Amino acid sequence: MFDCKPARAVLFEGKFAKLIMSHSTPIKRCVLTLFSALLLGGSATLGAEAAHAAQAANAGPKDSYNIRAFGAVGDGKSLDSPSINQAIEACAKAGGGTVYVPPGNYLCGSIHLKSHIHLYLDEGATILGAPQDMKAYDPAEPFDGPAYQDGGHTYFHNSLIWGEDLTNVSITGLGTINGGGLVRSSSLLDRISGFSNFGKAGFSSWKAPNTNEDSLRVGNKAIALKRCRHVLLRDVTIFHGGHFAILVTGCDDMTIDNVTIDTNRDGMDIDCCRNTTVSNCRVNSPFDDGICPKSSHALGKPVITENLTIVNCQVSGFEEGTFLDGTMKPSKNKNAMAGSATARWPIAPSALAKDWRSKRWTAGFSRISRSTTSP
């Protein structure tokens, strides 16, 4: 292959120009023709290589479903979640496989995972949560209340990426999930679930009020999975994840590995799950829980979290965003959680009878804090 850069340097270097100008016209014509051919050939070769590389990058892994082929733009302005959902649907109908997200900024509402789907976020790819006023998130699904857990734990469909009753599902790659417009709390969801009435008269007979569907499109979680089996989350980075960067409830046989989270509320909550391994993860959550095993009533009944391994993970409470940019500034949050990240760990079952709050919140888990701003 010919590299045209040295040829250009020689052709336009002053001494060579003087040399060929001192010879007869046929010689000059011959030399210039030769270099012109080399330059054009080299440029064409390099252009073909660049085009081939761009095509290969855009194509993604072999036999994958590239979201750009389904209309995704990746400019951070056009809503790309409908195209991503079309790619996932087509892949699922074909029996499953990889849905490829190439580099770009993809503005999204709710993305619907399916069974046997591997959502692969390439390096340089960002899924960006849409602003709330776009009403791009799915409405919260019906819940047979009343809820003994807050609205964040109760509803799943109003998430950036969600799946329910799935088998063999994975999200991997060196790309980023940026929650963008996700909110970190919602009094509306607490009200419609009945949680706001917890402990008040008539709580047990509470019925969900009639609510306009659009008002339930409150996006508040980056990844939410409910009753899924054989789950893999690996290598991705989650920033500004809303109420939960990762909420997994009632899942079985799950691996969360090498995930980095820098968020404005909970990092990852592992609720009512079995046979789960969390490894090599970094979670910065200055306002709430970091890595949080728990057992809520979100499945409509008490289900214990069991067979859980957490190994080689780091939790911290630096100012949001400063973990990812490396400055690691102490949190400015002045409430009781300032400068700390939290986790929940098992307590003796006998404690449940002594403290109703454990039943209300974690059904067998208590919270500990670890300061990150002092030794």
Protein backbone atom coordinates (compact mmCIF):
# COMPACT_ATOMS: atom_id res chain seq x y z
CA MET A 1 0.00 0.00 0.00
CA PHE A 2 1.29 3.46 -0.91
CA ASP A 3 1.46 6.19 1.76
CA CYS A 4 0.84 9.48 -0.02
CA LYS A 5 2.12 11.74 2.75
CA PRO A 6 5.85 11.33 1.93
CA ALA A 7 5.02 11.76 -1.74
CA ARG A 8 3.27 15.06 -1.07
CA ALA A 9 6.23 16.25 1.00
CA VAL A 10 8.66 15.41 -1.79
CA LEU A 11 6.51 16.84 -4.57
CA PHE A 12 6.03 20.21 -2.91
CA GLU A 13 9.48 20.49 -1.32
CA GLY A 14 11.38 23.36 -2.89
CA LYS A 15 14.58 21.53 -3.87
CA PHE A 16 12.71 18.85 -5.79
CA ALA A 17 10.71 21.51 -7.63
CA LYS A 18 13.96 23.19 -8.71
CA LEU A 19 15.35 19.82 -9.82
CA ILE A 20 12.52 18.95 -12.14
CA MET A 21 12.31 22.48 -13.48
CA SER A 22 15.94 22.23 -14.61
CA HIS A 23 15.17 19.29 -16.91
CA SER A 24 13.40 19.19 -20.24
CA THR A 25 9.62 19.39 -20.56
CA PRO A 26 9.12 15.63 -21.33
CA ILE A 27 11.03 14.72 -18.15
CA LYS A 28 9.02 17.21 -16.10
CA ARG A 29 5.78 15.87 -17.59
CA CYS A 30 6.80 12.27 -16.86
CA VAL A 31 7.81 12.95 -13.25
CA LEU A 32 4.73 15.04 -12.50
CA THR A 33 2.46 12.45 -14.08
CA LEU A 34 4.06 9.71 -11.97
CA PHE A 35 3.64 11.64 -8.71
CA SER A 36 0.12 12.68 -9.61
CA ALA A 37 -0.82 9.05 -10.15
CA LEU A 38 0.80 8.05 -6.88
CA LEU A 39 -0.91 10.84 -4.99
CA LEU A 40 -4.32 10.07 -6.44
CA GLY A 41 -3.86 6.35 -5.93
CA GLY A 42 -2.67 6.81 -2.37
CA SER A 43 -5.51 9.19 -1.54
CA ALA A 44 -8.03 6.83 -3.07
CA THR A 45 -6.61 3.93 -1.09
CA LEU A 46 -6.71 5.89 2.15
CA GLY A 47 -10.20 7.12 1.37
CA ALA A 48 -11.36 3.58 0.69
CA GLU A 49 -9.80 2.40 3.93
CA ALA A 50 -11.46 5.18 5.91
CA ALA A 51 -14.81 4.41 4.33
CA HIS A 52 -14.35 0.71 5.04
CA ALA A 53 -13.43 1.42 8.68
CA ALA A 54 -16.45 3.68 9.12
CA GLN A 55 -18.70 1.06 7.55
CA ALA A 56 -17.27 -1.65 9.79
CA ALA A 57 -17.75 0.49 12.89
CA ASN A 58 -21.30 1.29 11.92
CA ALA A 59 -22.07 -2.35 11.19
CA GLY A 60 -21.23 -3.55 14.69
CA PRO A 61 -20.66 -7.18 15.69
CA LYS A 62 -21.45 -9.86 13.12
CA ASP A 63 -25.16 -10.67 12.80
CA SER A 64 -26.09 -7.82 15.15
CA TYR A 65 -29.02 -5.46 14.75
CA ASN A 66 -27.62 -1.95 14.35
CA ILE A 67 -30.04 0.64 15.71
CA ARG A 68 -29.02 3.09 12.97
CA ALA A 69 -30.44 0.68 10.41
CA PHE A 70 -33.79 1.21 12.13
CA GLY A 71 -33.61 5.00 11.99
CA ALA A 72 -31.66 6.02 15.10
CA VAL A 73 -29.82 9.30 14.52
CA GLY A 74 -27.57 9.72 17.56
CA ASP A 75 -27.45 13.51 17.53
CA GLY A 76 -28.71 13.97 21.10
CA LYS A 77 -31.77 15.87 19.82
CA SER A 78 -33.87 13.40 17.86
CA LEU A 79 -35.84 10.91 19.98
CA ASP A 80 -34.19 7.58 19.18
CA SER A 81 -35.97 5.21 21.58
CA PRO A 82 -38.63 4.22 18.99
CA SER A 83 -35.86 3.12 16.61
CA ILE A 84 -34.05 1.23 19.36
CA ASN A 85 -37.28 -0.53 20.32
CA GLN A 86 -37.85 -1.49 16.69
CA ALA A 87 -34.36 -3.02 16.55
CA ILE A 88 -34.99 -4.95 19.77
CA GLU A 89 -38.36 -6.17 18.51
CA ALA A 90 -36.89 -7.35 15.19
CA CYS A 91 -34.04 -9.11 16.96
CA ALA A 92 -36.43 -10.81 19.39
CA LYS A 93 -38.71 -11.99 16.58
CA ALA A 94 -35.67 -13.57 14.90
CA GLY A 95 -34.96 -15.58 18.04
CA GLY A 96 -32.70 -13.12 19.83
CA GLY A 97 -29.18 -11.80 19.45
CA THR A 98 -27.22 -8.57 19.77
CA VAL A 99 -28.71 -5.11 19.36
CA TYR A 100 -25.77 -2.84 18.60
CA VAL A 101 -25.61 0.80 19.75
CA PRO A 102 -22.73 2.49 17.86
CA PRO A 103 -21.01 5.71 19.01
CA GLY A 104 -23.39 8.65 19.26
CA ASN A 105 -25.72 10.41 21.69
CA TYR A 106 -29.14 8.78 21.61
CA LEU A 107 -31.94 10.75 23.25
CA CYS A 108 -34.38 8.20 24.61
CA GLY A 109 -37.58 7.59 26.48
CA SER A 110 -38.39 4.07 27.65
CA ILE A 111 -36.45 1.24 25.99
CA HIS A 112 -38.16 -2.16 26.19
CA LEU A 113 -35.88 -5.14 26.69
CA LYS A 114 -36.95 -8.59 25.46
CA SER A 115 -35.89 -12.14 26.22
CA HIS A 116 -32.68 -13.37 24.55
CA ILE A 117 -31.54 -9.81 23.83
CA HIS A 118 -27.99 -8.54 24.30
CA LEU A 119 -27.99 -4.73 24.25
CA TYR A 120 -24.41 -3.78 23.40
CA LEU A 121 -23.31 -0.17 23.97
CA ASP A 122 -20.11 0.48 22.09
CA GLU A 123 -17.46 2.82 23.44
CA GLY A 124 -18.56 6.38 22.63
CA ALA A 125 -22.24 5.46 22.68
CA THR A 126 -24.49 7.26 25.17
CA ILE A 127 -28.13 6.57 25.89
CA LEU A 128 -29.45 9.89 27.20
CA GLY A 129 -32.65 10.14 29.22
CA ALA A 130 -35.19 12.49 27.68
CA PRO A 131 -36.53 15.53 29.56
CA GLN A 132 -39.76 14.89 31.47
CA ASP A 133 -41.73 17.37 29.38
CA MET A 134 -41.27 15.18 26.30
CA LYS A 135 -43.53 12.53 27.93
CA ALA A 136 -41.27 9.90 26.36
CA TYR A 137 -41.31 7.44 29.26
CA ASP A 138 -43.90 4.70 29.57
CA PRO A 139 -46.63 5.32 32.14
CA ALA A 140 -46.36 3.55 35.48
CA GLU A 141 -48.14 0.20 35.30
CA PRO A 142 -51.14 -0.74 37.51
CA PHE A 143 -50.26 -2.00 40.99
CA ASP A 144 -52.60 -3.88 43.30
CA GLY A 145 -51.94 -1.82 46.39
CA PRO A 146 -51.66 -0.57 48.88
CA ALA A 147 -47.88 -0.33 48.61
CA TYR A 148 -45.60 -0.97 51.57
CA GLN A 149 -42.71 0.48 49.54
CA ASP A 150 -42.26 3.86 47.86
CA GLY A 151 -43.30 4.58 44.30
CA GLY A 152 -39.76 4.09 43.02
CA HIS A 153 -39.82 0.45 44.10
CA THR A 154 -43.44 -0.09 43.07
CA TYR A 155 -43.36 0.85 39.38
CA PHE A 156 -40.96 -0.34 36.67
CA HIS A 157 -42.33 0.61 33.26
CA ASN A 158 -41.59 4.31 33.73
CA SER A 159 -37.84 3.69 33.40
CA LEU A 160 -35.22 4.51 30.79
CA ILE A 161 -34.46 0.81 30.19
CA TRP A 162 -36.81 -1.82 31.60
CA GLY A 163 -37.76 -5.46 31.30
CA GLU A 164 -40.25 -7.74 33.04
CA ASP A 165 -40.53 -11.56 33.10
CA LEU A 166 -37.56 -11.99 30.75
CA THR A 167 -35.00 -14.75 30.26
CA ASN A 168 -31.42 -14.38 29.02
CA VAL A 169 -31.02 -10.63 28.85
CA SER A 170 -27.82 -8.59 29.00
CA ILE A 171 -26.55 -5.03 28.79
CA THR A 172 -22.82 -4.75 28.18
CA GLY A 173 -20.16 -2.60 26.52
CA LEU A 174 -18.01 0.41 27.30
CA GLY A 175 -20.78 2.89 26.52
CA THR A 176 -22.67 5.16 28.91
CA ILE A 177 -26.22 5.46 30.19
CA ASN A 178 -26.81 9.09 31.15
CA GLY A 179 -30.11 9.49 33.01
CA GLY A 180 -30.42 13.08 31.80
CA GLY A 181 -34.01 14.03 32.58
CA LEU A 182 -34.73 11.26 35.10
CA VAL A 183 -36.06 12.47 38.46
CA ARG A 184 -34.83 11.20 41.82
CA SER A 185 -38.22 11.15 43.57
CA SER A 186 -41.93 11.51 42.83
CA SER A 187 -44.65 12.33 45.36
CA LEU A 188 -47.21 11.49 42.65
CA LEU A 189 -46.04 7.87 42.44
CA ASP A 190 -46.08 7.62 46.24
CA ARG A 191 -49.69 8.87 46.26
CA ILE A 192 -51.11 6.67 43.52
CA SER A 193 -49.48 3.56 45.02
CA GLY A 194 -50.94 4.35 48.43
CA PHE A 195 -47.55 4.54 50.07
CA SER A 196 -48.21 8.11 51.17
CA ASN A 197 -51.00 6.74 53.38
CA PHE A 198 -48.86 4.12 55.07
CA GLY A 199 -49.64 3.96 58.78
CA LYS A 200 -52.79 6.07 58.41
CA ALA A 201 -56.38 5.04 58.99
CA GLY A 202 -57.89 3.20 56.03
CA PHE A 203 -54.52 2.21 54.57
CA SER A 204 -55.45 -1.47 54.15
CA SER A 205 -58.61 -0.61 52.19
CA TRP A 206 -56.89 1.92 49.94
CA LYS A 207 -57.78 1.90 46.21
CA ALA A 208 -55.77 3.50 43.41
CA PRO A 209 -57.30 6.76 42.15
CA ASN A 210 -58.11 7.37 38.50
CA THR A 211 -55.14 9.22 37.04
CA ASN A 212 -54.41 10.65 33.60
CA GLU A 213 -51.96 8.33 31.84
CA ASP A 214 -49.62 11.12 30.75
CA SER A 215 -49.20 12.21 34.36
CA LEU A 216 -47.77 8.75 35.11
CA ARG A 217 -44.93 9.13 32.60
CA VAL A 218 -42.49 10.04 35.35
CA GLY A 219 -39.11 8.62 34.30
CA ASN A 220 -37.14 7.84 37.47
CA LYS A 221 -34.83 4.83 36.92
CA ALA A 222 -31.99 4.11 34.50
CA ILE A 223 -32.31 0.30 34.47
CA ALA A 224 -35.25 -1.59 36.02
CA LEU A 225 -35.70 -5.37 35.79
CA LYS A 226 -38.50 -7.35 37.41
CA ARG A 227 -38.77 -11.15 37.66
CA CYS A 228 -36.02 -11.78 35.11
CA ARG A 229 -33.74 -14.85 34.90
CA HIS A 230 -30.19 -15.21 33.57
CA VAL A 231 -29.24 -11.53 33.61
CA LEU A 232 -25.86 -9.96 32.82
CA LEU A 233 -24.92 -6.30 33.33
CA ARG A 234 -21.27 -5.65 32.54
CA ASP A 235 -18.80 -2.84 31.77
CA VAL A 236 -21.29 -0.01 31.28
CA THR A 237 -21.13 3.37 33.02
CA ILE A 238 -24.26 4.94 34.49
CA PHE A 239 -24.40 8.65 35.31
CA HIS A 240 -27.26 10.53 36.99
CA GLY A 241 -29.46 7.47 37.29
CA GLY A 242 -32.51 9.03 38.97
CA HIS A 243 -34.12 7.27 41.93
CA PHE A 244 -32.21 4.09 41.01
CA ALA A 245 -29.34 3.65 38.59
CA ILE A 246 -30.10 -0.09 38.74
CA LEU A 247 -33.20 -1.62 40.34
CA VAL A 248 -33.53 -5.40 40.06
CA THR A 249 -36.49 -7.04 41.79
CA GLY A 250 -37.37 -10.72 41.91
CA CYS A 251 -34.52 -11.68 39.58
CA ASP A 252 -32.64 -15.01 39.58
CA ASP A 253 -29.18 -15.97 38.32
CA MET A 254 -27.80 -12.49 37.80
CA THR A 255 -24.30 -11.08 37.35
CA ILE A 256 -23.42 -7.40 37.70
CA ASP A 257 -19.74 -6.96 36.89
CA ASN A 258 -17.36 -4.04 36.29
CA VAL A 259 -20.16 -1.48 36.29
CA THR A 260 -19.36 2.14 37.19
CA ILE A 261 -22.10 4.32 38.69
CA ASP A 262 -21.92 8.02 39.57
CA THR A 263 -25.42 9.08 40.51
CA ASN A 264 -27.78 11.39 42.38
CA ARG A 265 -29.61 8.81 44.51
CA ASP A 266 -29.41 4.99 44.82
CA GLY A 267 -26.67 3.15 42.96
CA MET A 268 -28.02 -0.39 42.73
CA ASP A 269 -30.83 -1.99 44.73
CA ILE A 270 -30.99 -5.80 44.71
CA ASP A 271 -34.49 -6.57 45.92
CA CYS A 272 -36.09 -10.02 46.40
CA CYS A 273 -33.36 -11.60 44.23
CA ARG A 274 -31.66 -15.01 44.29
CA ASN A 275 -28.31 -16.31 43.08
CA THR A 276 -26.70 -12.95 42.35
CA THR A 277 -23.07 -11.89 42.06
CA VAL A 278 -21.95 -8.26 42.15
CA SER A 279 -18.24 -7.87 41.42
CA ASN A 280 -15.64 -5.24 40.55
CA CYS A 281 -18.15 -2.38 40.63
CA ARG A 282 -17.64 1.26 41.61
CA VAL A 283 -20.66 3.13 42.96
CA ASN A 284 -20.67 6.81 43.91
CA SER A 285 -23.99 7.84 45.49
CA PRO A 286 -23.68 10.86 47.79
CA PHE A 287 -27.42 11.16 48.50
CA ASP A 288 -28.55 7.61 49.24
CA ASP A 289 -27.75 3.89 49.07
CA GLY A 290 -24.71 2.59 47.19
CA ILE A 291 -25.10 -1.18 46.86
CA CYS A 292 -28.30 -2.14 48.64
CA PRO A 293 -29.56 -5.71 49.16
CA LYS A 294 -33.13 -5.67 50.46
CA SER A 295 -36.46 -7.45 50.58
CA SER A 296 -39.41 -5.15 49.90
CA HIS A 297 -43.06 -6.00 49.18
CA ALA A 298 -42.79 -4.84 45.55
CA LEU A 299 -43.82 -8.31 44.33
CA GLY A 300 -46.99 -8.10 46.39
CA LYS A 301 -45.60 -10.44 49.04
CA PRO A 302 -42.46 -10.72 51.20
CA VAL A 303 -39.63 -12.39 49.29
CA ILE A 304 -36.17 -12.76 50.78
CA THR A 305 -32.95 -11.87 48.96
CA GLU A 306 -30.65 -14.89 49.18
CA ASN A 307 -27.48 -16.44 47.78
CA LEU A 308 -25.95 -13.02 47.14
CA THR A 309 -22.21 -12.44 46.68
CA ILE A 310 -20.70 -8.94 46.63
CA VAL A 311 -16.95 -8.91 46.04
CA ASN A 312 -14.23 -6.36 45.21
CA CYS A 313 -16.58 -3.37 45.00
CA GLN A 314 -16.10 0.26 46.00
CA VAL A 315 -18.77 2.64 47.31
CA SER A 316 -18.27 6.38 47.86
CA GLY A 317 -20.13 9.60 48.55
CA PHE A 318 -18.32 12.24 46.51
CA GLU A 319 -20.17 15.06 44.79
CA GLU A 320 -22.08 13.65 41.83
CA GLY A 321 -20.00 13.68 38.66
CA THR A 322 -16.69 14.14 40.42
CA PHE A 323 -16.07 10.42 40.66
CA LEU A 324 -16.23 10.06 36.88
CA ASP A 325 -14.13 13.15 36.17
CA GLY A 326 -11.52 12.11 38.77
CA THR A 327 -11.71 15.20 41.00
CA MET A 328 -13.59 13.31 43.76
CA LYS A 329 -14.84 16.36 45.63
CA PRO A 330 -16.52 15.83 49.04
CA SER A 331 -20.29 16.07 48.86
CA LYS A 332 -21.89 19.44 49.61
CA ASN A 333 -25.04 17.71 50.77
CA LYS A 334 -25.84 18.98 54.29
CA ASN A 335 -28.38 16.38 55.38
CA ALA A 336 -27.67 13.31 57.50
CA MET A 337 -26.28 11.44 54.51
CA ALA A 338 -23.61 14.04 53.70
CA GLY A 339 -20.23 12.60 52.84
CA SER A 340 -21.36 9.01 53.03
CA ALA A 341 -22.58 6.16 50.90
CA THR A 342 -24.81 3.49 52.35
CA ALA A 343 -25.59 -0.18 52.00
CA ARG A 344 -28.02 -2.56 53.64
CA TRP A 345 -27.03 -5.83 55.23
CA PRO A 346 -28.93 -8.74 56.82
CA ILE A 347 -30.05 -8.59 60.42
CA ALA A 348 -31.43 -11.32 62.63
CA PRO A 349 -35.05 -12.31 61.76
CA SER A 350 -35.99 -11.72 65.40
CA ALA A 351 -35.43 -8.03 64.86
CA LEU A 352 -38.42 -7.91 62.53
CA ALA A 353 -40.80 -8.48 65.43
CA LYS A 354 -39.17 -5.69 67.40
CA ASP A 355 -39.02 -3.02 64.71
CA TRP A 356 -41.86 -2.56 62.21
CA ARG A 357 -39.72 -0.13 60.24
CA SER A 358 -37.50 -3.01 59.13
CA LYS A 359 -40.57 -4.75 57.76
CA ARG A 360 -41.77 -1.58 56.10
CA TRP A 361 -38.53 -0.80 54.37
CA THR A 362 -36.37 -3.85 54.07
CA ALA A 363 -38.04 -6.88 55.66
CA GLY A 364 -34.82 -8.06 57.19
CA PHE A 365 -32.09 -5.62 56.24
CA SER A 366 -30.65 -2.72 58.17
CA ARG A 367 -28.67 0.21 56.84
CA ILE A 368 -25.09 1.13 57.60
CA SER A 369 -23.10 4.14 56.52
CA ARG A 370 -19.47 4.55 55.65
CA SER A 371 -17.93 8.00 55.56
CA THR A 372 -15.78 8.84 52.57
CA THR A 373 -14.67 12.28 53.68
CA SER A 374 -12.67 11.24 56.72
CA PRO A 375 -10.61 8.19 57.71
